[in-house]
Amino acid sequence: MKNNIKFYMVPASPWSFLSFERIEKISSSYNLEIDLIPVDIFKLFEMQEIKMVSKRPLAIQKNRLRELQRWKEYLNIEFNITPKFWPVNPLRSCKLIISASIFYPKEKLKVFNLAKKLSEAVWLSDLNIDDDNEVFNIAKEVIDIESVKDIYYDSKVDSVLQNNTSDAFKNDIFGVPTFLYKNQIFWGQDRIFFLEKEIKKSYE
């Protein structure tokens, strides 16, 4: 039995944004499914006693921007490292991803494409994902939003988000993106290389 890749993420994370293309290629190359696990990142930071970006020392904040610029150039991609709507509360976008995964339980690629679109909305298109109408409009390109809306407003979606966050904490996950494969944790988009090395072992 093949092991899926669990992808703990939020669309508002620039590091999650930098992961989508490469993790999609790995999924395709090794015929592995991706289980998207949106989390309440602010709650997870609180549980792990980690400061939000805006509360970290100025030197760390400046270095973050330098690193984002370096990755933009290294990957040779479009990427606005200082978007109009950031920081932005990612909960609406996370709930929409969860709602889509409930409505499309066997179409993980469709849900992945939705998450990717929501991330691109922040980091390419300067759109506000902390707005229901905005995220619904973005989602129209990928899913049947009118059907998914009914789930989006259901309290069970909040429960799934809370459980995802609690499970992340229990699994020693402290930030996004984090990838879980065969119970091994790979934190950060710069660890995708190590993730692929581990996956390759299954094919040797």
N, C-alpha and C. Protein backbone atom coordinates (compact mmCIF):
# COMPACT_ATOMS: atom_id res chain seq x y z
N MET A 1 0.84 -1.20 0.00
CA MET A 1 0.00 0.00 0.00
C MET A 1 0.88 1.25 0.00
N LYS A 2 0.53 2.18 -0.86
CA LYS A 2 1.30 3.41 -0.94
C LYS A 2 0.92 4.36 0.19
N ASN A 3 1.90 5.10 0.63
CA ASN A 3 1.66 6.10 1.66
C ASN A 3 1.39 7.45 1.01
N ASN A 4 0.29 8.09 1.41
CA ASN A 4 0.01 9.44 0.93
C ASN A 4 0.98 10.43 1.58
N ILE A 5 1.08 11.59 0.96
CA ILE A 5 1.83 12.69 1.55
C ILE A 5 0.84 13.59 2.27
N LYS A 6 1.03 13.78 3.54
CA LYS A 6 0.19 14.72 4.29
C LYS A 6 0.85 16.10 4.24
N PHE A 7 0.08 17.08 3.82
CA PHE A 7 0.59 18.43 3.58
C PHE A 7 -0.14 19.39 4.52
N TYR A 8 0.50 19.73 5.64
CA TYR A 8 -0.04 20.69 6.59
C TYR A 8 0.26 22.09 6.04
N MET A 9 -0.78 22.91 5.89
CA MET A 9 -0.57 24.18 5.18
C MET A 9 -1.64 25.21 5.52
N VAL A 10 -1.37 26.45 5.12
CA VAL A 10 -2.38 27.51 5.02
C VAL A 10 -2.07 28.30 3.75
N PRO A 11 -3.08 28.71 3.00
CA PRO A 11 -2.84 29.45 1.76
C PRO A 11 -2.10 30.77 1.97
N ALA A 12 -2.23 31.36 3.15
CA ALA A 12 -1.61 32.67 3.41
C ALA A 12 -0.11 32.57 3.68
N SER A 13 0.41 31.37 3.81
CA SER A 13 1.84 31.20 4.06
C SER A 13 2.64 31.28 2.77
N PRO A 14 3.64 32.17 2.70
CA PRO A 14 4.45 32.24 1.49
C PRO A 14 5.23 30.96 1.25
N TRP A 15 5.59 30.30 2.34
CA TRP A 15 6.35 29.05 2.23
C TRP A 15 5.46 27.93 1.70
N SER A 16 4.17 27.96 2.06
CA SER A 16 3.23 27.01 1.45
C SER A 16 3.09 27.29 -0.04
N PHE A 17 2.98 28.57 -0.38
CA PHE A 17 2.89 28.96 -1.79
C PHE A 17 4.07 28.41 -2.59
N LEU A 18 5.25 28.49 -2.03
CA LEU A 18 6.46 28.03 -2.72
C LEU A 18 6.51 26.51 -2.85
N SER A 19 5.62 25.81 -2.16
CA SER A 19 5.65 24.34 -2.16
C SER A 19 4.77 23.70 -3.21
N PHE A 20 3.71 24.39 -3.61
CA PHE A 20 2.67 23.74 -4.41
C PHE A 20 3.20 23.09 -5.69
N GLU A 21 3.95 23.84 -6.50
CA GLU A 21 4.42 23.31 -7.78
C GLU A 21 5.29 22.07 -7.59
N ARG A 22 6.22 22.15 -6.64
CA ARG A 22 7.17 21.04 -6.47
C ARG A 22 6.53 19.82 -5.84
N ILE A 23 5.62 20.02 -4.89
CA ILE A 23 4.98 18.87 -4.26
C ILE A 23 4.01 18.21 -5.25
N GLU A 24 3.44 19.02 -6.14
CA GLU A 24 2.58 18.48 -7.19
C GLU A 24 3.38 17.60 -8.15
N LYS A 25 4.59 18.02 -8.49
CA LYS A 25 5.44 17.22 -9.38
C LYS A 25 5.83 15.90 -8.72
N ILE A 26 6.13 15.94 -7.44
CA ILE A 26 6.48 14.71 -6.72
C ILE A 26 5.28 13.77 -6.69
N SER A 27 4.11 14.32 -6.43
CA SER A 27 2.89 13.52 -6.41
C SER A 27 2.68 12.80 -7.74
N SER A 28 2.90 13.53 -8.82
CA SER A 28 2.72 12.98 -10.16
C SER A 28 3.80 11.95 -10.50
N SER A 29 5.03 12.27 -10.16
CA SER A 29 6.16 11.40 -10.50
C SER A 29 6.09 10.05 -9.81
N TYR A 30 5.61 10.03 -8.56
CA TYR A 30 5.60 8.81 -7.78
C TYR A 30 4.20 8.25 -7.57
N ASN A 31 3.23 8.85 -8.27
CA ASN A 31 1.84 8.38 -8.20
C ASN A 31 1.35 8.33 -6.75
N LEU A 32 1.58 9.41 -6.02
CA LEU A 32 1.16 9.50 -4.62
C LEU A 32 0.07 10.57 -4.49
N GLU A 33 -0.90 10.30 -3.66
CA GLU A 33 -1.93 11.30 -3.39
C GLU A 33 -1.46 12.24 -2.29
N ILE A 34 -1.99 13.45 -2.35
CA ILE A 34 -1.68 14.46 -1.33
C ILE A 34 -2.90 14.71 -0.47
N ASP A 35 -2.75 14.51 0.82
CA ASP A 35 -3.81 14.82 1.77
C ASP A 35 -3.56 16.22 2.32
N LEU A 36 -4.37 17.17 1.90
CA LEU A 36 -4.21 18.53 2.41
C LEU A 36 -4.78 18.63 3.82
N ILE A 37 -4.02 19.24 4.71
CA ILE A 37 -4.47 19.40 6.09
C ILE A 37 -4.31 20.86 6.49
N PRO A 38 -5.33 21.67 6.22
CA PRO A 38 -5.29 23.08 6.67
C PRO A 38 -5.35 23.14 8.19
N VAL A 39 -4.61 24.06 8.78
CA VAL A 39 -4.60 24.23 10.23
C VAL A 39 -4.87 25.68 10.59
N ASP A 40 -5.27 25.88 11.83
CA ASP A 40 -5.37 27.23 12.38
C ASP A 40 -3.97 27.62 12.84
N ILE A 41 -3.23 28.26 11.96
CA ILE A 41 -1.81 28.50 12.22
C ILE A 41 -1.58 29.42 13.41
N PHE A 42 -2.47 30.38 13.63
CA PHE A 42 -2.31 31.26 14.80
C PHE A 42 -2.48 30.48 16.10
N LYS A 43 -3.45 29.57 16.10
CA LYS A 43 -3.67 28.72 17.28
C LYS A 43 -2.50 27.78 17.48
N LEU A 44 -1.98 27.23 16.38
CA LEU A 44 -0.85 26.31 16.48
C LEU A 44 0.38 27.04 17.03
N PHE A 45 0.62 28.26 16.56
CA PHE A 45 1.72 29.06 17.10
C PHE A 45 1.55 29.27 18.61
N GLU A 46 0.32 29.56 18.99
CA GLU A 46 0.04 29.78 20.41
C GLU A 46 0.32 28.51 21.22
N MET A 47 -0.12 27.38 20.72
CA MET A 47 0.08 26.10 21.41
C MET A 47 1.56 25.75 21.51
N GLN A 48 2.32 26.10 20.47
CA GLN A 48 3.75 25.78 20.45
C GLN A 48 4.62 26.92 21.00
N GLU A 49 3.95 27.98 21.47
CA GLU A 49 4.64 29.15 22.07
C GLU A 49 5.60 29.80 21.07
N ILE A 50 5.10 29.97 19.85
CA ILE A 50 5.87 30.61 18.78
C ILE A 50 5.23 31.97 18.48
N LYS A 51 6.05 32.98 18.33
CA LYS A 51 5.54 34.32 18.04
C LYS A 51 5.11 34.42 16.58
N MET A 52 4.05 35.21 16.33
CA MET A 52 3.65 35.52 14.97
C MET A 52 4.75 36.36 14.32
N VAL A 53 4.78 36.36 12.99
CA VAL A 53 5.85 37.06 12.27
C VAL A 53 5.98 38.51 12.72
N SER A 54 4.85 39.20 12.87
CA SER A 54 4.87 40.62 13.21
C SER A 54 5.41 40.89 14.61
N LYS A 55 5.49 39.85 15.45
CA LYS A 55 5.97 40.01 16.81
C LYS A 55 7.40 39.47 16.99
N ARG A 56 7.99 38.99 15.91
CA ARG A 56 9.36 38.50 15.98
C ARG A 56 10.34 39.66 15.88
N PRO A 57 11.58 39.48 16.32
CA PRO A 57 12.57 40.56 16.23
C PRO A 57 12.68 41.09 14.80
N LEU A 58 12.94 42.39 14.68
CA LEU A 58 13.00 43.04 13.37
C LEU A 58 14.05 42.38 12.46
N ALA A 59 15.16 41.96 13.03
CA ALA A 59 16.20 41.32 12.23
C ALA A 59 15.68 40.04 11.57
N ILE A 60 14.85 39.29 12.30
CA ILE A 60 14.28 38.05 11.76
C ILE A 60 13.27 38.38 10.66
N GLN A 61 12.48 39.43 10.86
CA GLN A 61 11.51 39.84 9.84
C GLN A 61 12.22 40.26 8.55
N LYS A 62 13.32 41.01 8.70
CA LYS A 62 14.07 41.44 7.51
C LYS A 62 14.69 40.25 6.79
N ASN A 63 15.19 39.29 7.56
CA ASN A 63 15.80 38.11 6.95
C ASN A 63 14.75 37.28 6.22
N ARG A 64 13.55 37.23 6.75
CA ARG A 64 12.45 36.51 6.07
C ARG A 64 12.26 37.04 4.66
N LEU A 65 12.24 38.36 4.51
CA LEU A 65 12.05 38.96 3.19
C LEU A 65 13.24 38.67 2.27
N ARG A 66 14.44 38.67 2.83
CA ARG A 66 15.62 38.34 2.02
C ARG A 66 15.53 36.91 1.51
N GLU A 67 15.11 36.01 2.38
CA GLU A 67 15.01 34.61 2.00
C GLU A 67 13.92 34.39 0.95
N LEU A 68 12.80 35.08 1.10
CA LEU A 68 11.72 34.96 0.11
C LEU A 68 12.21 35.44 -1.26
N GLN A 69 12.95 36.54 -1.28
CA GLN A 69 13.48 37.06 -2.54
C GLN A 69 14.46 36.06 -3.17
N ARG A 70 15.28 35.45 -2.35
CA ARG A 70 16.23 34.46 -2.86
C ARG A 70 15.51 33.26 -3.46
N TRP A 71 14.46 32.80 -2.79
CA TRP A 71 13.72 31.65 -3.31
C TRP A 71 12.95 32.02 -4.58
N LYS A 72 12.46 33.23 -4.63
CA LYS A 72 11.79 33.69 -5.86
C LYS A 72 12.75 33.62 -7.04
N GLU A 73 13.96 34.10 -6.83
CA GLU A 73 14.96 34.11 -7.90
C GLU A 73 15.45 32.69 -8.21
N TYR A 74 15.64 31.88 -7.18
CA TYR A 74 16.13 30.52 -7.38
C TYR A 74 15.13 29.67 -8.16
N LEU A 75 13.85 29.80 -7.81
CA LEU A 75 12.81 29.02 -8.48
C LEU A 75 12.35 29.67 -9.78
N ASN A 76 12.76 30.93 -9.98
CA ASN A 76 12.42 31.67 -11.20
C ASN A 76 10.90 31.69 -11.42
N ILE A 77 10.19 32.20 -10.42
CA ILE A 77 8.73 32.23 -10.47
C ILE A 77 8.20 33.63 -10.20
N GLU A 78 6.96 33.84 -10.62
CA GLU A 78 6.25 35.07 -10.22
C GLU A 78 5.92 34.95 -8.75
N PHE A 79 6.12 36.02 -8.01
CA PHE A 79 5.92 35.95 -6.56
C PHE A 79 6.06 37.35 -5.99
N ASN A 80 4.97 37.89 -5.47
CA ASN A 80 4.99 39.20 -4.83
C ASN A 80 5.27 38.99 -3.35
N ILE A 81 6.49 39.24 -2.90
CA ILE A 81 6.85 38.92 -1.52
C ILE A 81 6.27 39.91 -0.51
N THR A 82 5.72 41.02 -0.97
CA THR A 82 5.05 41.98 -0.07
C THR A 82 3.65 42.26 -0.62
N PRO A 83 2.73 41.30 -0.54
CA PRO A 83 1.40 41.47 -1.12
C PRO A 83 0.56 42.49 -0.37
N LYS A 84 -0.45 42.97 -1.05
CA LYS A 84 -1.32 44.00 -0.50
C LYS A 84 -2.05 43.52 0.75
N PHE A 85 -2.54 42.30 0.72
CA PHE A 85 -3.31 41.77 1.86
C PHE A 85 -2.47 40.73 2.61
N TRP A 86 -1.53 41.24 3.37
CA TRP A 86 -0.73 40.38 4.25
C TRP A 86 -0.10 41.25 5.32
N PRO A 87 -0.15 40.83 6.59
CA PRO A 87 -0.74 39.57 7.04
C PRO A 87 -2.25 39.53 6.85
N VAL A 88 -2.76 38.33 6.65
CA VAL A 88 -4.19 38.14 6.43
C VAL A 88 -4.64 36.90 7.19
N ASN A 89 -5.81 36.98 7.77
CA ASN A 89 -6.35 35.83 8.49
C ASN A 89 -6.69 34.73 7.48
N PRO A 90 -6.11 33.54 7.62
CA PRO A 90 -6.32 32.49 6.62
C PRO A 90 -7.48 31.55 6.92
N LEU A 91 -8.24 31.80 7.99
CA LEU A 91 -9.23 30.83 8.42
C LEU A 91 -10.33 30.57 7.39
N ARG A 92 -10.79 31.62 6.70
CA ARG A 92 -11.83 31.42 5.70
C ARG A 92 -11.35 30.50 4.57
N SER A 93 -10.14 30.75 4.12
CA SER A 93 -9.60 29.92 3.04
C SER A 93 -9.38 28.48 3.51
N CYS A 94 -8.94 28.31 4.74
CA CYS A 94 -8.75 26.96 5.27
C CYS A 94 -10.08 26.22 5.39
N LYS A 95 -11.11 26.92 5.85
CA LYS A 95 -12.43 26.31 5.96
C LYS A 95 -12.99 25.93 4.59
N LEU A 96 -12.70 26.74 3.59
CA LEU A 96 -13.20 26.43 2.25
C LEU A 96 -12.51 25.18 1.70
N ILE A 97 -11.23 25.03 1.95
CA ILE A 97 -10.51 23.83 1.52
C ILE A 97 -11.09 22.60 2.20
N ILE A 98 -11.35 22.70 3.49
CA ILE A 98 -11.95 21.58 4.23
C ILE A 98 -13.33 21.25 3.68
N SER A 99 -14.12 22.28 3.40
CA SER A 99 -15.46 22.08 2.85
C SER A 99 -15.40 21.35 1.51
N ALA A 100 -14.46 21.75 0.68
CA ALA A 100 -14.29 21.11 -0.63
C ALA A 100 -13.86 19.65 -0.48
N SER A 101 -13.00 19.39 0.50
CA SER A 101 -12.53 18.01 0.70
C SER A 101 -13.67 17.12 1.19
N ILE A 102 -14.63 17.69 1.91
CA ILE A 102 -15.80 16.93 2.35
C ILE A 102 -16.74 16.65 1.17
N PHE A 103 -16.90 17.66 0.31
CA PHE A 103 -17.80 17.52 -0.84
C PHE A 103 -17.19 16.65 -1.93
N TYR A 104 -15.85 16.70 -2.06
CA TYR A 104 -15.14 15.92 -3.08
C TYR A 104 -14.17 14.94 -2.41
N PRO A 105 -14.67 13.96 -1.67
CA PRO A 105 -13.78 13.07 -0.90
C PRO A 105 -12.82 12.24 -1.76
N LYS A 106 -13.17 12.00 -3.01
CA LYS A 106 -12.34 11.18 -3.87
C LYS A 106 -11.62 11.98 -4.95
N GLU A 107 -11.71 13.30 -4.87
CA GLU A 107 -11.08 14.16 -5.88
C GLU A 107 -10.06 15.08 -5.22
N LYS A 108 -8.99 14.47 -4.74
CA LYS A 108 -7.98 15.22 -3.99
C LYS A 108 -7.26 16.24 -4.86
N LEU A 109 -7.12 15.94 -6.14
CA LEU A 109 -6.45 16.89 -7.02
C LEU A 109 -7.28 18.17 -7.17
N LYS A 110 -8.59 18.03 -7.20
CA LYS A 110 -9.46 19.20 -7.29
C LYS A 110 -9.29 20.08 -6.04
N VAL A 111 -9.23 19.44 -4.90
CA VAL A 111 -9.06 20.18 -3.64
C VAL A 111 -7.67 20.83 -3.60
N PHE A 112 -6.68 20.10 -4.09
CA PHE A 112 -5.32 20.65 -4.16
C PHE A 112 -5.29 21.89 -5.04
N ASN A 113 -5.95 21.82 -6.18
CA ASN A 113 -5.98 22.96 -7.10
C ASN A 113 -6.69 24.16 -6.48
N LEU A 114 -7.70 23.90 -5.67
CA LEU A 114 -8.39 24.99 -4.96
C LEU A 114 -7.42 25.66 -3.99
N ALA A 115 -6.72 24.87 -3.21
CA ALA A 115 -5.77 25.42 -2.24
C ALA A 115 -4.68 26.23 -2.96
N LYS A 116 -4.23 25.71 -4.06
CA LYS A 116 -3.22 26.41 -4.85
C LYS A 116 -3.74 27.75 -5.36
N LYS A 117 -4.99 27.76 -5.84
CA LYS A 117 -5.62 29.00 -6.32
C LYS A 117 -5.73 30.03 -5.19
N LEU A 118 -6.11 29.58 -4.02
CA LEU A 118 -6.26 30.48 -2.88
C LEU A 118 -4.92 31.07 -2.46
N SER A 119 -3.88 30.27 -2.55
CA SER A 119 -2.54 30.76 -2.21
C SER A 119 -2.07 31.76 -3.27
N GLU A 120 -2.32 31.45 -4.53
CA GLU A 120 -1.95 32.37 -5.61
C GLU A 120 -2.70 33.69 -5.50
N ALA A 121 -3.92 33.63 -4.96
CA ALA A 121 -4.71 34.85 -4.78
C ALA A 121 -3.97 35.85 -3.90
N VAL A 122 -3.27 35.33 -2.88
CA VAL A 122 -2.51 36.21 -1.98
C VAL A 122 -1.20 36.65 -2.64
N TRP A 123 -0.44 35.68 -3.15
CA TRP A 123 0.96 35.92 -3.50
C TRP A 123 1.19 36.29 -4.97
N LEU A 124 0.11 36.24 -5.77
CA LEU A 124 0.23 36.67 -7.16
C LEU A 124 -0.76 37.78 -7.52
N SER A 125 -1.96 37.72 -6.94
CA SER A 125 -3.06 38.56 -7.42
C SER A 125 -3.51 39.65 -6.48
N ASP A 126 -2.88 39.77 -5.31
CA ASP A 126 -3.25 40.81 -4.34
C ASP A 126 -4.73 40.79 -3.99
N LEU A 127 -5.26 39.60 -3.73
CA LEU A 127 -6.66 39.46 -3.35
C LEU A 127 -6.76 39.17 -1.86
N ASN A 128 -7.90 39.52 -1.28
CA ASN A 128 -8.12 39.38 0.15
C ASN A 128 -8.86 38.07 0.45
N ILE A 129 -8.15 37.08 0.97
CA ILE A 129 -8.79 35.80 1.25
C ILE A 129 -9.47 35.79 2.62
N ASP A 130 -9.48 36.93 3.29
CA ASP A 130 -10.25 37.06 4.54
C ASP A 130 -11.61 37.69 4.23
N ASP A 131 -12.23 37.23 3.17
CA ASP A 131 -13.51 37.78 2.71
C ASP A 131 -14.27 36.64 2.01
N ASP A 132 -15.46 36.34 2.51
CA ASP A 132 -16.22 35.22 1.97
C ASP A 132 -16.48 35.36 0.48
N ASN A 133 -16.94 36.52 0.07
CA ASN A 133 -17.26 36.71 -1.35
C ASN A 133 -16.02 36.54 -2.23
N GLU A 134 -14.88 36.99 -1.72
CA GLU A 134 -13.65 36.88 -2.50
C GLU A 134 -13.23 35.42 -2.66
N VAL A 135 -13.24 34.67 -1.56
CA VAL A 135 -12.81 33.27 -1.66
C VAL A 135 -13.80 32.45 -2.48
N PHE A 136 -15.09 32.77 -2.40
CA PHE A 136 -16.07 32.06 -3.22
C PHE A 136 -15.83 32.35 -4.70
N ASN A 137 -15.51 33.58 -5.01
CA ASN A 137 -15.25 33.95 -6.39
C ASN A 137 -14.01 33.25 -6.94
N ILE A 138 -12.98 33.16 -6.13
CA ILE A 138 -11.76 32.44 -6.51
C ILE A 138 -12.08 30.96 -6.74
N ALA A 139 -12.90 30.40 -5.86
CA ALA A 139 -13.20 28.97 -5.90
C ALA A 139 -14.01 28.57 -7.14
N LYS A 140 -14.75 29.52 -7.70
CA LYS A 140 -15.60 29.21 -8.86
C LYS A 140 -14.81 28.60 -10.01
N GLU A 141 -13.54 28.95 -10.09
CA GLU A 141 -12.71 28.45 -11.19
C GLU A 141 -12.39 26.97 -11.04
N VAL A 142 -12.60 26.44 -9.84
CA VAL A 142 -12.13 25.07 -9.57
C VAL A 142 -13.25 24.13 -9.12
N ILE A 143 -14.19 24.63 -8.34
CA ILE A 143 -15.20 23.76 -7.73
C ILE A 143 -16.60 24.31 -7.95
N ASP A 144 -17.59 23.49 -7.62
CA ASP A 144 -18.99 23.90 -7.62
C ASP A 144 -19.26 24.63 -6.30
N ILE A 145 -19.01 25.92 -6.30
CA ILE A 145 -19.03 26.67 -5.05
C ILE A 145 -20.42 26.73 -4.43
N GLU A 146 -21.46 26.74 -5.25
CA GLU A 146 -22.81 26.82 -4.70
C GLU A 146 -23.12 25.60 -3.84
N SER A 147 -22.62 24.43 -4.26
CA SER A 147 -22.83 23.21 -3.47
C SER A 147 -21.95 23.19 -2.23
N VAL A 148 -20.73 23.67 -2.37
CA VAL A 148 -19.77 23.64 -1.26
C VAL A 148 -20.12 24.66 -0.18
N LYS A 149 -20.80 25.72 -0.55
CA LYS A 149 -21.18 26.76 0.42
C LYS A 149 -21.96 26.20 1.59
N ASP A 150 -22.86 25.28 1.33
CA ASP A 150 -23.69 24.71 2.40
C ASP A 150 -22.82 24.04 3.46
N ILE A 151 -21.76 23.39 3.02
CA ILE A 151 -20.85 22.74 3.97
C ILE A 151 -20.02 23.79 4.69
N TYR A 152 -19.58 24.80 3.95
CA TYR A 152 -18.71 25.86 4.49
C TYR A 152 -19.31 26.49 5.75
N TYR A 153 -20.61 26.67 5.76
CA TYR A 153 -21.26 27.33 6.90
C TYR A 153 -21.66 26.35 8.00
N ASP A 154 -21.33 25.08 7.83
CA ASP A 154 -21.68 24.07 8.84
C ASP A 154 -20.60 24.04 9.93
N SER A 155 -21.02 23.88 11.16
CA SER A 155 -20.09 23.89 12.29
C SER A 155 -19.09 22.73 12.24
N LYS A 156 -19.43 21.68 11.48
CA LYS A 156 -18.52 20.53 11.43
C LYS A 156 -17.19 20.91 10.78
N VAL A 157 -17.21 21.93 9.92
CA VAL A 157 -15.97 22.39 9.28
C VAL A 157 -15.05 23.00 10.33
N ASP A 158 -15.61 23.77 11.26
CA ASP A 158 -14.81 24.33 12.35
C ASP A 158 -14.20 23.21 13.20
N SER A 159 -14.98 22.14 13.40
CA SER A 159 -14.50 21.00 14.19
C SER A 159 -13.33 20.32 13.50
N VAL A 160 -13.42 20.15 12.18
CA VAL A 160 -12.33 19.54 11.44
C VAL A 160 -11.07 20.39 11.54
N LEU A 161 -11.22 21.71 11.41
CA LEU A 161 -10.07 22.61 11.50
C LEU A 161 -9.43 22.53 12.88
N GLN A 162 -10.25 22.47 13.92
CA GLN A 162 -9.73 22.35 15.28
C GLN A 162 -8.99 21.03 15.47
N ASN A 163 -9.58 19.95 14.92
CA ASN A 163 -8.95 18.63 15.04
C ASN A 163 -7.64 18.58 14.28
N ASN A 164 -7.62 19.18 13.08
CA ASN A 164 -6.38 19.24 12.31
C ASN A 164 -5.27 19.92 13.10
N THR A 165 -5.64 21.01 13.77
CA THR A 165 -4.67 21.79 14.53
C THR A 165 -4.19 21.01 15.75
N SER A 166 -5.11 20.36 16.43
CA SER A 166 -4.74 19.54 17.59
C SER A 166 -3.85 18.38 17.19
N ASP A 167 -4.18 17.73 16.06
CA ASP A 167 -3.37 16.61 15.58
C ASP A 167 -1.96 17.09 15.19
N ALA A 168 -1.91 18.27 14.58
CA ALA A 168 -0.60 18.83 14.21
C ALA A 168 0.26 19.01 15.46
N PHE A 169 -0.35 19.57 16.50
CA PHE A 169 0.37 19.79 17.75
C PHE A 169 0.86 18.47 18.34
N LYS A 170 -0.01 17.48 18.32
CA LYS A 170 0.35 16.16 18.88
C LYS A 170 1.46 15.50 18.07
N ASN A 171 1.53 15.82 16.78
CA ASN A 171 2.56 15.24 15.91
C ASN A 171 3.84 16.08 15.88
N ASP A 172 3.94 17.02 16.83
CA ASP A 172 5.13 17.88 16.93
C ASP A 172 5.31 18.79 15.72
N ILE A 173 4.22 19.15 15.10
CA ILE A 173 4.27 20.09 13.98
C ILE A 173 4.09 21.50 14.53
N PHE A 174 4.92 22.42 14.09
CA PHE A 174 4.93 23.76 14.69
C PHE A 174 4.82 24.87 13.65
N GLY A 175 4.79 24.52 12.37
CA GLY A 175 4.70 25.54 11.34
C GLY A 175 4.31 24.92 10.02
N VAL A 176 4.11 25.79 9.03
CA VAL A 176 3.73 25.31 7.70
C VAL A 176 4.67 25.93 6.66
N PRO A 177 4.88 25.20 5.56
CA PRO A 177 4.33 23.86 5.30
C PRO A 177 5.11 22.79 6.05
N THR A 178 4.41 21.74 6.43
CA THR A 178 5.05 20.55 6.97
C THR A 178 4.49 19.35 6.21
N PHE A 179 5.37 18.45 5.84
CA PHE A 179 4.97 17.25 5.11
C PHE A 179 5.22 16.04 5.99
N LEU A 180 4.25 15.14 5.99
CA LEU A 180 4.36 13.92 6.78
C LEU A 180 4.29 12.74 5.82
N TYR A 181 5.34 11.93 5.83
CA TYR A 181 5.38 10.75 4.96
C TYR A 181 5.96 9.59 5.77
N LYS A 182 5.21 8.51 5.84
CA LYS A 182 5.63 7.35 6.63
C LYS A 182 6.03 7.76 8.05
N ASN A 183 5.22 8.64 8.62
CA ASN A 183 5.41 9.12 9.99
C ASN A 183 6.69 9.93 10.19
N GLN A 184 7.30 10.35 9.09
CA GLN A 184 8.46 11.23 9.19
C GLN A 184 8.06 12.66 8.84
N ILE A 185 8.56 13.60 9.63
CA ILE A 185 8.19 15.00 9.47
C ILE A 185 9.25 15.74 8.65
N PHE A 186 8.78 16.50 7.67
CA PHE A 186 9.67 17.34 6.87
C PHE A 186 9.10 18.75 6.91
N TRP A 187 9.73 19.60 7.71
CA TRP A 187 9.23 20.96 7.90
C TRP A 187 9.90 21.93 6.94
N GLY A 188 9.07 22.70 6.23
CA GLY A 188 9.57 23.75 5.38
C GLY A 188 9.71 23.34 3.93
N GLN A 189 9.45 24.28 3.03
CA GLN A 189 9.53 23.98 1.61
C GLN A 189 10.96 23.65 1.17
N ASP A 190 11.93 24.07 1.95
CA ASP A 190 13.32 23.74 1.61
C ASP A 190 13.69 22.32 2.02
N ARG A 191 12.76 21.60 2.65
CA ARG A 191 13.01 20.18 2.98
C ARG A 191 12.33 19.24 2.00
N ILE A 192 11.71 19.79 0.96
CA ILE A 192 11.05 18.94 -0.04
C ILE A 192 12.07 17.99 -0.67
N PHE A 193 13.30 18.45 -0.80
CA PHE A 193 14.38 17.60 -1.33
C PHE A 193 14.53 16.34 -0.49
N PHE A 194 14.52 16.49 0.85
CA PHE A 194 14.66 15.34 1.73
C PHE A 194 13.42 14.45 1.69
N LEU A 195 12.27 15.07 1.54
CA LEU A 195 11.03 14.30 1.40
C LEU A 195 11.11 13.39 0.19
N GLU A 196 11.56 13.93 -0.94
CA GLU A 196 11.65 13.11 -2.16
C GLU A 196 12.68 11.99 -1.99
N LYS A 197 13.76 12.27 -1.31
CA LYS A 197 14.76 11.23 -1.07
C LYS A 197 14.14 10.07 -0.28
N GLU A 198 13.30 10.39 0.68
CA GLU A 198 12.65 9.35 1.48
C GLU A 198 11.65 8.57 0.63
N ILE A 199 10.92 9.27 -0.21
CA ILE A 199 9.96 8.60 -1.09
C ILE A 199 10.68 7.64 -2.04
N LYS A 200 11.82 8.05 -2.55
CA LYS A 200 12.57 7.22 -3.49
C LYS A 200 12.96 5.88 -2.89
N LYS A 201 13.17 5.85 -1.57
CA LYS A 201 13.55 4.60 -0.92
C LYS A 201 12.50 3.51 -1.10
N SER A 202 11.23 3.95 -1.23
CA SER A 202 10.14 2.98 -1.39
C SER A 202 10.17 2.33 -2.77
N TYR A 203 10.95 2.92 -3.68
CA TYR A 203 10.98 2.42 -5.06
C TYR A 203 12.29 1.73 -5.39
N GLU A 204 13.14 1.62 -4.38
CA GLU A 204 14.45 0.97 -4.61
C GLU A 204 14.36 -0.54 -4.41
